[in-house]
Amino acid sequence: MQREKNNNFILDFTGVYDDEFAKEKTSLTWIDCTDITGCDMYVSDEAEKQIGERVDSVGIHGIHFIDSGNYHYVTKIMTDRIKEPFSLVVFDHHRLSTDYIENAVLTYIEPFISSTSEMISEILIYLADKVKLTQKR
């Protein structure tokens, strides 16, 4: 079931965003995944099922913040649920490598910043309460 209102969310596996901004002061939906085991760097079948259920509870439309690079597989869990053409935006704090995502609408790579969460927290200051996404029909 997809929610109509705010589908912008954070999947929180490690608490990486806790120090960046206060949960109660953001319009993002905070999805606590800290209790899921079998999902650090790889994903077990059971962990993939649990993550999928939590993603399904809010829907896949919107802006998603996915903890750290240890949870790269979450993108696939979510994109597997998309049944129509979509746009993908990539934020990364590593140098461009040979295995980058090629068909992203926007790729923002900043190797001089300490973490992607730092990049995102700076962007959230400007976006979190002002983003309005519309569904193409």
Protein backbone atom coordinates (compact mmCIF):
# COMPACT_ATOMS: atom_id res chain seq x y z
CA MET A 1 0.00 0.00 0.00
CA GLN A 2 1.46 3.36 -0.99
CA ARG A 3 0.91 6.49 1.02
CA GLU A 4 -0.25 9.56 -0.87
CA LYS A 5 1.23 12.26 1.33
CA ASN A 6 4.98 12.23 1.98
CA ASN A 7 6.88 9.30 0.50
CA ASN A 8 10.30 10.81 1.15
CA PHE A 9 12.03 8.59 3.66
CA ILE A 10 15.22 7.51 5.38
CA LEU A 11 16.03 3.83 5.77
CA ASP A 12 18.00 3.88 9.01
CA PHE A 13 20.18 0.79 9.50
CA THR A 14 22.96 2.31 11.64
CA GLY A 15 21.84 5.67 13.00
CA VAL A 16 24.16 7.46 10.55
CA TYR A 17 21.72 10.37 10.17
CA ASP A 18 21.09 10.81 13.92
CA ASP A 19 23.78 13.45 14.32
CA GLU A 20 22.97 15.23 11.06
CA PHE A 21 19.47 16.45 11.94
CA ALA A 22 16.73 15.75 14.42
CA LYS A 23 14.07 13.19 13.51
CA GLU A 24 11.32 15.32 14.99
CA LYS A 25 12.31 18.35 12.88
CA THR A 26 12.16 16.73 9.46
CA SER A 27 9.24 15.98 7.20
CA LEU A 28 10.94 12.74 6.11
CA THR A 29 9.50 9.43 7.22
CA TRP A 30 12.09 7.66 9.35
CA ILE A 31 12.10 3.88 8.84
CA ASP A 32 13.98 2.13 11.63
CA CYS A 33 15.86 -0.91 10.27
CA THR A 34 18.38 -1.21 13.10
CA ASP A 35 16.78 -4.48 14.25
CA ILE A 36 17.28 -6.26 10.91
CA THR A 37 20.20 -8.70 10.93
CA GLY A 38 21.93 -10.20 7.91
CA CYS A 39 22.08 -6.95 5.96
CA ASP A 40 25.50 -5.33 6.46
CA MET A 41 27.44 -5.41 3.14
CA TYR A 42 25.27 -8.28 1.86
CA VAL A 43 21.65 -9.21 2.32
CA SER A 44 20.20 -12.52 3.44
CA ASP A 45 16.87 -13.70 2.01
CA GLU A 46 15.15 -12.99 5.35
CA ALA A 47 16.65 -9.50 5.62
CA GLU A 48 15.64 -8.71 2.03
CA LYS A 49 12.07 -9.76 2.85
CA GLN A 50 11.97 -7.56 5.98
CA ILE A 51 13.43 -4.55 4.15
CA GLY A 52 10.96 -5.04 1.29
CA GLU A 53 8.03 -5.11 3.73
CA ARG A 54 9.17 -1.85 5.33
CA VAL A 55 9.63 -0.19 1.95
CA ASP A 56 6.20 -1.46 0.86
CA SER A 57 4.65 0.14 3.97
CA VAL A 58 5.48 3.64 2.64
CA GLY A 59 5.69 3.04 -1.10
CA ILE A 60 8.51 3.59 -3.55
CA HIS A 61 7.63 7.03 -4.91
CA GLY A 62 9.64 9.92 -3.53
CA ILE A 63 13.14 10.61 -2.37
CA HIS A 64 14.91 7.83 -0.46
CA PHE A 65 17.98 8.12 1.75
CA ILE A 66 19.67 4.75 2.22
CA ASP A 67 22.08 4.87 5.16
CA SER A 68 25.62 4.08 3.95
CA GLY A 69 27.36 2.25 1.12
CA ASN A 70 27.07 -0.96 3.13
CA TYR A 71 23.42 -1.04 2.05
CA HIS A 72 23.87 -0.56 -1.70
CA TYR A 73 21.61 -3.55 -2.46
CA VAL A 74 18.58 -1.63 -1.11
CA THR A 75 18.45 0.29 -4.40
CA LYS A 76 17.81 -2.99 -6.19
CA ILE A 77 15.16 -4.03 -3.66
CA MET A 78 13.33 -0.78 -4.39
CA THR A 79 13.87 -0.59 -8.16
CA ASP A 80 12.59 -4.16 -8.53
CA ARG A 81 9.24 -2.82 -7.31
CA ILE A 82 9.01 -0.15 -10.02
CA LYS A 83 6.92 -1.29 -12.95
CA GLU A 84 7.20 1.79 -15.18
CA PRO A 85 10.03 4.05 -16.42
CA PHE A 86 11.68 6.10 -13.67
CA SER A 87 14.49 8.56 -12.98
CA LEU A 88 17.42 7.73 -10.73
CA VAL A 89 19.65 10.32 -9.03
CA VAL A 90 22.95 9.18 -7.51
CA PHE A 91 24.88 10.95 -4.73
CA ASP A 92 28.28 9.56 -3.86
CA HIS A 93 31.37 10.78 -2.03
CA HIS A 94 33.77 8.41 -3.79
CA ARG A 95 35.62 9.06 -7.02
CA LEU A 96 33.93 7.95 -10.20
CA SER A 97 34.83 4.31 -10.73
CA THR A 98 34.36 1.85 -13.55
CA ASP A 99 31.23 0.37 -11.97
CA TYR A 100 29.21 3.58 -11.63
CA ILE A 101 25.48 3.72 -12.43
CA GLU A 102 25.33 4.83 -16.07
CA ASN A 103 21.72 5.85 -16.70
CA ALA A 104 21.13 8.16 -13.76
CA VAL A 105 19.39 11.45 -14.55
CA LEU A 106 21.81 13.19 -12.19
CA THR A 107 25.04 11.92 -10.70
CA TYR A 108 26.53 14.11 -7.97
CA ILE A 109 29.98 12.89 -6.98
CA GLU A 110 31.98 14.86 -4.43
CA PRO A 111 35.16 13.01 -3.40
CA PHE A 112 36.35 15.87 -1.15
CA ILE A 113 33.51 15.49 1.34
CA SER A 114 33.83 12.94 4.14
CA SER A 115 30.61 10.99 3.55
CA THR A 116 27.52 10.82 1.40
CA SER A 117 25.42 11.43 4.51
CA GLU A 118 27.23 14.76 4.92
CA MET A 119 26.33 15.64 1.32
CA ILE A 120 22.72 14.67 1.89
CA SER A 121 22.38 16.47 5.22
CA GLU A 122 23.54 19.69 3.54
CA ILE A 123 21.04 19.18 0.72
CA LEU A 124 18.24 18.38 3.20
CA ILE A 125 18.58 21.80 4.75
CA TYR A 126 17.35 23.22 1.45
CA LEU A 127 15.00 20.46 0.30
CA ALA A 128 13.38 18.49 3.11
CA ASP A 129 10.33 20.68 3.63
CA LYS A 130 10.08 22.11 0.12
CA VAL A 131 10.16 19.08 -2.15
CA LYS A 132 6.95 18.48 -4.05
CA LEU A 133 6.91 15.43 -6.27
CA THR A 134 4.16 14.77 -8.74
CA GLN A 135 3.35 11.51 -10.42
CA LYS A 136 3.45 11.50 -14.22
CA ARG A 137 0.28 10.22 -15.77
